[in-house]
Amino acid sequence: MIISAFEFDIQKDKYKNLEIINNHLKNIKEKSDLIVLPELSSNGYLFENRDELKNTAENIKYGIFINNLSEISKKYDTSIIAGFAEKYEDKIYNSAVIIDKGNIKGVYRKIHLSDFEKRFFDSGDINNADLIFNINGVNISVQICFDLWFNEISRRQILNGINLICVLGNFGSNTTFEIARIRAIENLTPIVLCNRIGIEKNSIMEASFIGKSFVCDETGKLLTNINENQNNKIITAEIEIKNKRQNIICSDFIEEIKRHY
């Protein structure tokens, strides 16, 4: 499976972000089966209050960002996973949409919110960890940034039969980067991590994002990665999807887990 991650400096303007995404995806030299974008790719991370967020969040069925992203996915005949602020009934979620060649396959809602995010977003139900999205015959799961810090989610996902974990990030330190590789190793599962770049600020705070997106195999080996930078950039790698998890000391990792837990 050929995977790409596109890290970019997310703007507050949805149309500007869509323009950036479209302009860069058309320049991918090798066609990707799946392209992963950062957390909250629709309109950024910082909001003055919940009302501001509510005004820009959108419903999955008729949102500007989602509809246009679906067209981009269809145009380039690829699948896209992208973060966005989702409005659902009276809730607002930090979500990821999964689009397969123009068709919306589903939505993952971030489960673990930072203290700052709890002022604006609602937490997704733990059952989001059970969502599986099949892309080109590969079972994929999604996590968003802080979710990755809780291995219970990754372990639950591999026991449900996923082959690849896609992580969308908005982080500013190396910790999440290191945790992602650890999750790959301890779950014998490839991971694609897409983090944003840039600096965002409002009257509440200033946040900077370091990028460092990567694709790694089930041993944590980096297949492709971006060093810390402030330029919009796409990386692409081919991942070998293995249906059985094993290594030199364990012939069936899943069965070993089930024996004891």
C-alpha atoms as a PDB file:
ATOM      1  CA  MET A   1       0.000   0.000   0.000  1.00  0.00           C
ATOM      2  CA  ILE A   2       1.347   3.415  -0.972  1.00  0.00           C
ATOM      3  CA  ILE A   3       0.801   6.019   1.749  1.00  0.00           C
ATOM      4  CA  SER A   4       1.377   9.785   1.726  1.00  0.00           C
ATOM      5  CA  ALA A   5       1.327  12.365   4.517  1.00  0.00           C
ATOM      6  CA  PHE A   6       0.998  16.075   3.791  1.00  0.00           C
ATOM      7  CA  GLU A   7       2.054  18.440   6.559  1.00  0.00           C
ATOM      8  CA  PHE A   8       1.250  22.096   6.020  1.00  0.00           C
ATOM      9  CA  ASP A   9       0.735  25.432   7.724  1.00  0.00           C
ATOM     10  CA  ILE A  10      -3.016  25.384   8.358  1.00  0.00           C
ATOM     11  CA  GLN A  11      -4.868  28.670   7.916  1.00  0.00           C
ATOM     12  CA  LYS A  12      -8.095  29.919   9.514  1.00  0.00           C
ATOM     13  CA  ASP A  13      -9.663  30.136   6.043  1.00  0.00           C
ATOM     14  CA  LYS A  14     -11.171  26.831   4.834  1.00  0.00           C
ATOM     15  CA  TYR A  15     -10.950  27.819   1.183  1.00  0.00           C
ATOM     16  CA  LYS A  16      -7.280  28.696   1.548  1.00  0.00           C
ATOM     17  CA  ASN A  17      -6.585  25.316   3.151  1.00  0.00           C
ATOM     18  CA  LEU A  18      -8.452  23.539   0.365  1.00  0.00           C
ATOM     19  CA  GLU A  19      -6.396  25.454  -2.194  1.00  0.00           C
ATOM     20  CA  ILE A  20      -3.152  24.462  -0.456  1.00  0.00           C
ATOM     21  CA  ILE A  21      -4.225  20.818  -0.286  1.00  0.00           C
ATOM     22  CA  ASN A  22      -5.313  20.672  -3.923  1.00  0.00           C
ATOM     23  CA  ASN A  23      -2.186  22.408  -5.234  1.00  0.00           C
ATOM     24  CA  HIS A  24       0.138  20.028  -3.424  1.00  0.00           C
ATOM     25  CA  LEU A  25      -1.734  16.797  -4.068  1.00  0.00           C
ATOM     26  CA  LYS A  26      -1.646  17.359  -7.808  1.00  0.00           C
ATOM     27  CA  ASN A  27       2.149  17.404  -7.628  1.00  0.00           C
ATOM     28  CA  ILE A  28       2.535  13.974  -6.010  1.00  0.00           C
ATOM     29  CA  LYS A  29       4.776  12.070  -8.411  1.00  0.00           C
ATOM     30  CA  GLU A  30       3.591   8.603  -7.406  1.00  0.00           C
ATOM     31  CA  LYS A  31      -0.125   7.904  -7.033  1.00  0.00           C
ATOM     32  CA  SER A  32      -1.003   7.152  -3.418  1.00  0.00           C
ATOM     33  CA  ASP A  33      -3.661   4.778  -2.180  1.00  0.00           C
ATOM     34  CA  LEU A  34      -4.131   6.939   0.909  1.00  0.00           C
ATOM     35  CA  ILE A  35      -3.197  10.513   1.825  1.00  0.00           C
ATOM     36  CA  VAL A  36      -3.245  11.581   5.477  1.00  0.00           C
ATOM     37  CA  LEU A  37      -3.606  15.238   6.486  1.00  0.00           C
ATOM     38  CA  PRO A  38      -3.134  16.825   9.947  1.00  0.00           C
ATOM     39  CA  GLU A  39      -5.558  17.289  12.813  1.00  0.00           C
ATOM     40  CA  LEU A  40      -8.035  20.165  12.272  1.00  0.00           C
ATOM     41  CA  SER A  41      -6.904  20.720   8.683  1.00  0.00           C
ATOM     42  CA  SER A  42     -10.135  22.600   8.012  1.00  0.00           C
ATOM     43  CA  ASN A  43      -9.482  25.774   9.972  1.00  0.00           C
ATOM     44  CA  GLY A  44      -6.759  25.495  12.593  1.00  0.00           C
ATOM     45  CA  TYR A  45      -6.396  24.782  16.278  1.00  0.00           C
ATOM     46  CA  LEU A  46      -6.973  27.983  18.283  1.00  0.00           C
ATOM     47  CA  PHE A  47     -10.340  29.599  18.959  1.00  0.00           C
ATOM     48  CA  GLU A  48     -11.307  32.507  21.183  1.00  0.00           C
ATOM     49  CA  ASN A  49     -14.333  30.681  22.556  1.00  0.00           C
ATOM     50  CA  ARG A  50     -16.746  27.857  21.822  1.00  0.00           C
ATOM     51  CA  ASP A  51     -19.052  30.180  19.871  1.00  0.00           C
ATOM     52  CA  GLU A  52     -16.279  30.952  17.386  1.00  0.00           C
ATOM     53  CA  LEU A  53     -15.618  27.246  16.986  1.00  0.00           C
ATOM     54  CA  LYS A  54     -19.325  26.518  16.598  1.00  0.00           C
ATOM     55  CA  ASN A  55     -19.596  29.040  13.776  1.00  0.00           C
ATOM     56  CA  THR A  56     -16.845  27.364  11.770  1.00  0.00           C
ATOM     57  CA  ALA A  57     -17.524  23.696  12.639  1.00  0.00           C
ATOM     58  CA  GLU A  58     -19.473  21.800  10.015  1.00  0.00           C
ATOM     59  CA  ASN A  59     -21.807  18.867   9.607  1.00  0.00           C
ATOM     60  CA  ILE A  60     -20.388  15.896   7.753  1.00  0.00           C
ATOM     61  CA  LYS A  61     -23.260  15.938   5.241  1.00  0.00           C
ATOM     62  CA  TYR A  62     -23.109  19.497   3.962  1.00  0.00           C
ATOM     63  CA  GLY A  63     -19.929  21.198   5.094  1.00  0.00           C
ATOM     64  CA  ILE A  64     -17.818  23.361   2.790  1.00  0.00           C
ATOM     65  CA  PHE A  65     -14.560  21.677   3.722  1.00  0.00           C
ATOM     66  CA  ILE A  66     -15.866  18.110   3.567  1.00  0.00           C
ATOM     67  CA  ASN A  67     -17.712  18.565   0.266  1.00  0.00           C
ATOM     68  CA  ASN A  68     -14.709  20.134  -1.441  1.00  0.00           C
ATOM     69  CA  LEU A  69     -12.305  17.584   0.012  1.00  0.00           C
ATOM     70  CA  SER A  70     -14.546  14.820  -1.348  1.00  0.00           C
ATOM     71  CA  GLU A  71     -14.230  16.361  -4.805  1.00  0.00           C
ATOM     72  CA  ILE A  72     -10.443  16.483  -4.449  1.00  0.00           C
ATOM     73  CA  SER A  73     -10.408  12.822  -3.410  1.00  0.00           C
ATOM     74  CA  LYS A  74     -12.521  11.910  -6.419  1.00  0.00           C
ATOM     75  CA  LYS A  75     -10.438  14.006  -8.821  1.00  0.00           C
ATOM     76  CA  TYR A  76      -7.177  12.346  -7.810  1.00  0.00           C
ATOM     77  CA  ASP A  77      -8.777   8.893  -7.445  1.00  0.00           C
ATOM     78  CA  THR A  78      -7.386   8.421  -3.959  1.00  0.00           C
ATOM     79  CA  SER A  79      -8.452   8.133  -0.339  1.00  0.00           C
ATOM     80  CA  ILE A  80      -7.972  10.990   2.131  1.00  0.00           C
ATOM     81  CA  ILE A  81      -8.093  11.187   5.919  1.00  0.00           C
ATOM     82  CA  ALA A  82      -8.294  14.752   7.221  1.00  0.00           C
ATOM     83  CA  GLY A  83      -8.985  16.463  10.518  1.00  0.00           C
ATOM     84  CA  PHE A  84     -11.869  18.918  10.861  1.00  0.00           C
ATOM     85  CA  ALA A  85     -14.118  20.538  13.455  1.00  0.00           C
ATOM     86  CA  GLU A  86     -17.378  18.588  13.354  1.00  0.00           C
ATOM     87  CA  LYS A  87     -20.776  19.883  14.390  1.00  0.00           C
ATOM     88  CA  TYR A  88     -23.199  17.116  15.353  1.00  0.00           C
ATOM     89  CA  GLU A  89     -26.481  17.964  17.085  1.00  0.00           C
ATOM     90  CA  ASP A  90     -25.440  20.074  20.104  1.00  0.00           C
ATOM     91  CA  LYS A  91     -21.880  18.682  20.172  1.00  0.00           C
ATOM     92  CA  ILE A  92     -18.633  19.844  18.584  1.00  0.00           C
ATOM     93  CA  TYR A  93     -15.990  17.204  17.981  1.00  0.00           C
ATOM     94  CA  ASN A  94     -12.347  17.236  16.980  1.00  0.00           C
ATOM     95  CA  SER A  95     -12.843  14.726  14.185  1.00  0.00           C
ATOM     96  CA  ALA A  96     -11.274  13.027  11.195  1.00  0.00           C
ATOM     97  CA  VAL A  97     -13.182  12.267   8.016  1.00  0.00           C
ATOM     98  CA  ILE A  98     -12.318   9.210   5.950  1.00  0.00           C
ATOM     99  CA  ILE A  99     -13.001   9.682   2.234  1.00  0.00           C
ATOM    100  CA  ASP A 100     -12.492   6.962  -0.380  1.00  0.00           C
ATOM    101  CA  LYS A 101     -12.380   8.254  -3.952  1.00  0.00           C
ATOM    102  CA  GLY A 102     -15.008  10.872  -3.234  1.00  0.00           C
ATOM    103  CA  ASN A 103     -17.207   8.750  -0.976  1.00  0.00           C
ATOM    104  CA  ILE A 104     -17.363   9.428   2.760  1.00  0.00           C
ATOM    105  CA  LYS A 105     -16.673   6.177   4.613  1.00  0.00           C
ATOM    106  CA  GLY A 106     -17.072   7.572   8.100  1.00  0.00           C
ATOM    107  CA  VAL A 107     -15.871   9.844  10.876  1.00  0.00           C
ATOM    108  CA  TYR A 108     -13.564   9.262  13.836  1.00  0.00           C
ATOM    109  CA  ARG A 109     -14.011  11.562  16.859  1.00  0.00           C
ATOM    110  CA  LYS A 110     -11.040  12.320  19.098  1.00  0.00           C
ATOM    111  CA  ILE A 111     -11.431  10.561  22.435  1.00  0.00           C
ATOM    112  CA  HIS A 112      -8.733  12.090  24.637  1.00  0.00           C
ATOM    113  CA  LEU A 113      -8.761  15.895  24.718  1.00  0.00           C
ATOM    114  CA  SER A 114      -6.140  18.091  26.321  1.00  0.00           C
ATOM    115  CA  ASP A 115      -7.261  20.380  29.143  1.00  0.00           C
ATOM    116  CA  PHE A 116      -7.200  23.281  26.685  1.00  0.00           C
ATOM    117  CA  GLU A 117      -9.317  21.426  24.120  1.00  0.00           C
ATOM    118  CA  LYS A 118     -11.942  20.540  26.722  1.00  0.00           C
ATOM    119  CA  ARG A 119     -12.896  24.223  26.811  1.00  0.00           C
ATOM    120  CA  PHE A 120     -14.072  23.971  23.210  1.00  0.00           C
ATOM    121  CA  PHE A 121     -14.659  20.380  22.103  1.00  0.00           C
ATOM    122  CA  ASP A 122     -16.687  17.410  23.267  1.00  0.00           C
ATOM    123  CA  SER A 123     -14.941  14.053  23.685  1.00  0.00           C
ATOM    124  CA  GLY A 124     -15.685  11.248  21.276  1.00  0.00           C
ATOM    125  CA  ASP A 125     -17.087   8.026  22.710  1.00  0.00           C
ATOM    126  CA  ILE A 126     -14.571   5.258  23.454  1.00  0.00           C
ATOM    127  CA  ASN A 127     -16.346   3.128  20.845  1.00  0.00           C
ATOM    128  CA  ASN A 128     -14.662   5.303  18.221  1.00  0.00           C
ATOM    129  CA  ALA A 129     -11.630   3.107  18.904  1.00  0.00           C
ATOM    130  CA  ASP A 130     -13.540   0.188  17.354  1.00  0.00           C
ATOM    131  CA  LEU A 131     -14.047   1.879  13.983  1.00  0.00           C
ATOM    132  CA  ILE A 132     -12.378   0.097  11.072  1.00  0.00           C
ATOM    133  CA  PHE A 133     -12.156   1.622   7.604  1.00  0.00           C
ATOM    134  CA  ASN A 134     -11.282  -0.649   4.688  1.00  0.00           C
ATOM    135  CA  ILE A 135      -9.208   1.089   2.033  1.00  0.00           C
ATOM    136  CA  ASN A 136      -8.101  -1.033  -0.930  1.00  0.00           C
ATOM    137  CA  GLY A 137      -8.449  -4.184   1.149  1.00  0.00           C
ATOM    138  CA  VAL A 138      -6.462  -2.812   4.100  1.00  0.00           C
ATOM    139  CA  ASN A 139      -8.155  -2.377   7.480  1.00  0.00           C
ATOM    140  CA  ILE A 140      -7.251   1.050   8.833  1.00  0.00           C
ATOM    141  CA  SER A 141      -7.857   2.711  12.189  1.00  0.00           C
ATOM    142  CA  VAL A 142      -7.526   6.377  13.118  1.00  0.00           C
ATOM    143  CA  GLN A 143      -6.264   8.267  16.154  1.00  0.00           C
ATOM    144  CA  ILE A 144      -5.919  11.997  16.744  1.00  0.00           C
ATOM    145  CA  CYS A 145      -2.839  13.343  18.546  1.00  0.00           C
ATOM    146  CA  PHE A 146      -3.340  12.873  22.329  1.00  0.00           C
ATOM    147  CA  ASP A 147      -5.228   9.607  21.686  1.00  0.00           C
ATOM    148  CA  LEU A 148      -1.848   8.110  20.844  1.00  0.00           C
ATOM    149  CA  TRP A 149      -0.654   8.588  24.427  1.00  0.00           C
ATOM    150  CA  PHE A 150      -3.070   5.869  25.576  1.00  0.00           C
ATOM    151  CA  ASN A 151      -1.980   2.446  24.351  1.00  0.00           C
ATOM    152  CA  GLU A 152      -5.373   1.029  25.323  1.00  0.00           C
ATOM    153  CA  ILE A 153      -6.695   2.503  22.071  1.00  0.00           C
ATOM    154  CA  SER A 154      -3.967   1.012  19.865  1.00  0.00           C
ATOM    155  CA  ARG A 155      -4.248  -2.372  21.557  1.00  0.00           C
ATOM    156  CA  ARG A 156      -8.023  -2.357  21.156  1.00  0.00           C
ATOM    157  CA  GLN A 157      -7.631  -1.513  17.480  1.00  0.00           C
ATOM    158  CA  ILE A 158      -5.170  -4.298  16.656  1.00  0.00           C
ATOM    159  CA  LEU A 159      -7.342  -6.839  18.465  1.00  0.00           C
ATOM    160  CA  ASN A 160     -10.180  -5.708  16.198  1.00  0.00           C
ATOM    161  CA  GLY A 161      -8.094  -6.678  13.181  1.00  0.00           C
ATOM    162  CA  ILE A 162      -6.635  -3.457  11.799  1.00  0.00           C
ATOM    163  CA  ASN A 163      -3.456  -3.478   9.675  1.00  0.00           C
ATOM    164  CA  LEU A 164      -2.457   0.198   9.803  1.00  0.00           C
ATOM    165  CA  ILE A 165      -2.867   3.071  12.268  1.00  0.00           C
ATOM    166  CA  CYS A 166      -3.237   6.597  10.883  1.00  0.00           C
ATOM    167  CA  VAL A 167      -2.482   9.401  13.339  1.00  0.00           C
ATOM    168  CA  LEU A 168      -3.382  13.052  12.758  1.00  0.00           C
ATOM    169  CA  GLY A 169      -1.482  15.548  14.885  1.00  0.00           C
ATOM    170  CA  ASN A 170      -1.201  19.143  16.065  1.00  0.00           C
ATOM    171  CA  PHE A 171       1.780  18.788  18.398  1.00  0.00           C
ATOM    172  CA  GLY A 172       4.696  21.036  19.215  1.00  0.00           C
ATOM    173  CA  SER A 173       7.221  18.777  20.942  1.00  0.00           C
ATOM    174  CA  ASN A 174       9.024  15.538  20.173  1.00  0.00           C
ATOM    175  CA  THR A 175       7.108  13.459  22.721  1.00  0.00           C
ATOM    176  CA  THR A 176       4.206  12.451  20.478  1.00  0.00           C
ATOM    177  CA  PHE A 177       6.685  11.699  17.688  1.00  0.00           C
ATOM    178  CA  GLU A 178       8.522   9.267  19.978  1.00  0.00           C
ATOM    179  CA  ILE A 179       5.308   7.732  21.328  1.00  0.00           C
ATOM    180  CA  ALA A 180       4.121   6.989  17.787  1.00  0.00           C
ATOM    181  CA  ARG A 181       7.176   4.845  17.066  1.00  0.00           C
ATOM    182  CA  ILE A 182       6.750   3.083  20.408  1.00  0.00           C
ATOM    183  CA  ARG A 183       3.116   2.279  19.536  1.00  0.00           C
ATOM    184  CA  ALA A 184       4.266   0.762  16.243  1.00  0.00           C
ATOM    185  CA  ILE A 185       6.849  -1.411  17.996  1.00  0.00           C
ATOM    186  CA  GLU A 186       4.718  -2.605  20.922  1.00  0.00           C
ATOM    187  CA  ASN A 187       1.763  -3.408  18.649  1.00  0.00           C
ATOM    188  CA  LEU A 188       3.781  -4.659  15.645  1.00  0.00           C
ATOM    189  CA  THR A 189       1.753  -2.323  13.450  1.00  0.00           C
ATOM    190  CA  PRO A 190       2.778   0.224  10.782  1.00  0.00           C
ATOM    191  CA  ILE A 191       1.911   3.830  11.561  1.00  0.00           C
ATOM    192  CA  VAL A 192       1.570   6.940   9.439  1.00  0.00           C
ATOM    193  CA  LEU A 193       1.796  10.143  11.474  1.00  0.00           C
ATOM    194  CA  CYS A 194       0.872  13.482   9.912  1.00  0.00           C
ATOM    195  CA  ASN A 195       1.520  16.580  12.009  1.00  0.00           C
ATOM    196  CA  ARG A 196       1.039  20.204  11.013  1.00  0.00           C
ATOM    197  CA  ILE A 197       3.576  23.014  10.888  1.00  0.00           C
ATOM    198  CA  GLY A 198       3.403  26.761  11.523  1.00  0.00           C
ATOM    199  CA  ILE A 199       2.591  29.156  14.337  1.00  0.00           C
ATOM    200  CA  GLU A 200      -0.934  30.028  15.392  1.00  0.00           C
ATOM    201  CA  LYS A 201      -1.922  32.618  17.976  1.00  0.00           C
ATOM    202  CA  ASN A 202      -4.894  34.490  19.369  1.00  0.00           C
ATOM    203  CA  SER A 203      -5.669  36.438  22.550  1.00  0.00           C
ATOM    204  CA  ILE A 204      -5.512  33.245  24.642  1.00  0.00           C
ATOM    205  CA  MET A 205      -2.212  31.715  23.599  1.00  0.00           C
ATOM    206  CA  GLU A 206       0.382  31.090  20.923  1.00  0.00           C
ATOM    207  CA  ALA A 207       1.053  27.590  19.637  1.00  0.00           C
ATOM    208  CA  SER A 208       3.843  26.356  17.374  1.00  0.00           C
ATOM    209  CA  PHE A 209       3.863  23.038  15.530  1.00  0.00           C
ATOM    210  CA  ILE A 210       6.951  21.100  14.490  1.00  0.00           C
ATOM    211  CA  GLY A 211       5.772  18.794  11.715  1.00  0.00           C
ATOM    212  CA  LYS A 212       8.132  15.773  11.668  1.00  0.00           C
ATOM    213  CA  SER A 213       5.567  13.591   9.912  1.00  0.00           C
ATOM    214  CA  PHE A 214       6.619  10.038   9.102  1.00  0.00           C
ATOM    215  CA  VAL A 215       5.658   6.596   7.922  1.00  0.00           C
ATOM    216  CA  CYS A 216       7.135   3.654   9.843  1.00  0.00           C
ATOM    217  CA  ASP A 217       6.849  -0.103   9.616  1.00  0.00           C
ATOM    218  CA  GLU A 218       5.839  -2.508  12.375  1.00  0.00           C
ATOM    219  CA  THR A 219       9.352  -2.423  13.868  1.00  0.00           C
ATOM    220  CA  GLY A 220       9.313   1.364  14.224  1.00  0.00           C
ATOM    221  CA  LYS A 221      11.762   1.760  11.341  1.00  0.00           C
ATOM    222  CA  LEU A 222      11.179   5.044   9.520  1.00  0.00           C
ATOM    223  CA  LEU A 223      10.355   4.401   5.870  1.00  0.00           C
ATOM    224  CA  THR A 224      10.147   8.101   5.143  1.00  0.00           C
ATOM    225  CA  ASN A 225      10.060  11.183   7.339  1.00  0.00           C
ATOM    226  CA  ILE A 226      10.375  14.952   7.445  1.00  0.00           C
ATOM    227  CA  ASN A 227      12.869  16.619   9.733  1.00  0.00           C
ATOM    228  CA  GLU A 228      11.601  19.601  11.723  1.00  0.00           C
ATOM    229  CA  ASN A 229      10.813  22.292   9.151  1.00  0.00           C
ATOM    230  CA  GLN A 230       8.413  25.101   8.281  1.00  0.00           C
ATOM    231  CA  ASN A 231       7.691  24.299   4.641  1.00  0.00           C
ATOM    232  CA  ASN A 232       4.598  22.558   3.297  1.00  0.00           C
ATOM    233  CA  LYS A 233       5.753  19.087   2.279  1.00  0.00           C
ATOM    234  CA  ILE A 234       4.460  15.689   1.177  1.00  0.00           C
ATOM    235  CA  ILE A 235       6.146  12.370   1.918  1.00  0.00           C
ATOM    236  CA  THR A 236       5.291   9.011   0.378  1.00  0.00           C
ATOM    237  CA  ALA A 237       6.237   5.429   1.224  1.00  0.00           C
ATOM    238  CA  GLU A 238       5.103   1.923   0.403  1.00  0.00           C
ATOM    239  CA  ILE A 239       4.020  -0.152   3.392  1.00  0.00           C
ATOM    240  CA  GLU A 240       4.018  -3.931   3.369  1.00  0.00           C
ATOM    241  CA  ILE A 241       0.758  -5.025   4.963  1.00  0.00           C
ATOM    242  CA  LYS A 242       1.103  -8.208   6.993  1.00  0.00           C
ATOM    243  CA  ASN A 243      -1.938 -10.128   8.182  1.00  0.00           C
ATOM    244  CA  LYS A 244      -0.035 -11.899  10.951  1.00  0.00           C
ATOM    245  CA  ARG A 245       1.935 -10.123  13.671  1.00  0.00           C
ATOM    246  CA  GLN A 246       5.119 -11.940  14.551  1.00  0.00           C
ATOM    247  CA  ASN A 247       8.779 -11.362  15.314  1.00  0.00           C
ATOM    248  CA  ILE A 248      11.868 -13.354  16.203  1.00  0.00           C
ATOM    249  CA  ILE A 249      10.600 -14.226  19.695  1.00  0.00           C
ATOM    250  CA  CYS A 250       6.851 -14.628  19.076  1.00  0.00           C
ATOM    251  CA  SER A 251       5.189 -16.415  16.157  1.00  0.00           C
ATOM    252  CA  ASP A 252       1.697 -15.025  16.845  1.00  0.00           C
ATOM    253  CA  PHE A 253       1.561 -11.771  18.783  1.00  0.00           C
ATOM    254  CA  ILE A 254      -2.247 -11.510  18.832  1.00  0.00           C
ATOM    255  CA  GLU A 255      -2.692 -15.012  20.227  1.00  0.00           C
ATOM    256  CA  GLU A 256      -0.106 -14.264  22.916  1.00  0.00           C
ATOM    257  CA  ILE A 257      -2.103 -11.197  23.982  1.00  0.00           C
ATOM    258  CA  LYS A 258      -5.338 -13.186  24.099  1.00  0.00           C
ATOM    259  CA  ARG A 259      -3.730 -15.884  26.228  1.00  0.00           C
ATOM    260  CA  HIS A 260      -3.194 -13.503  29.124  1.00  0.00           C
ATOM    261  CA  TYR A 261      -5.468 -10.450  28.894  1.00  0.00           C
END
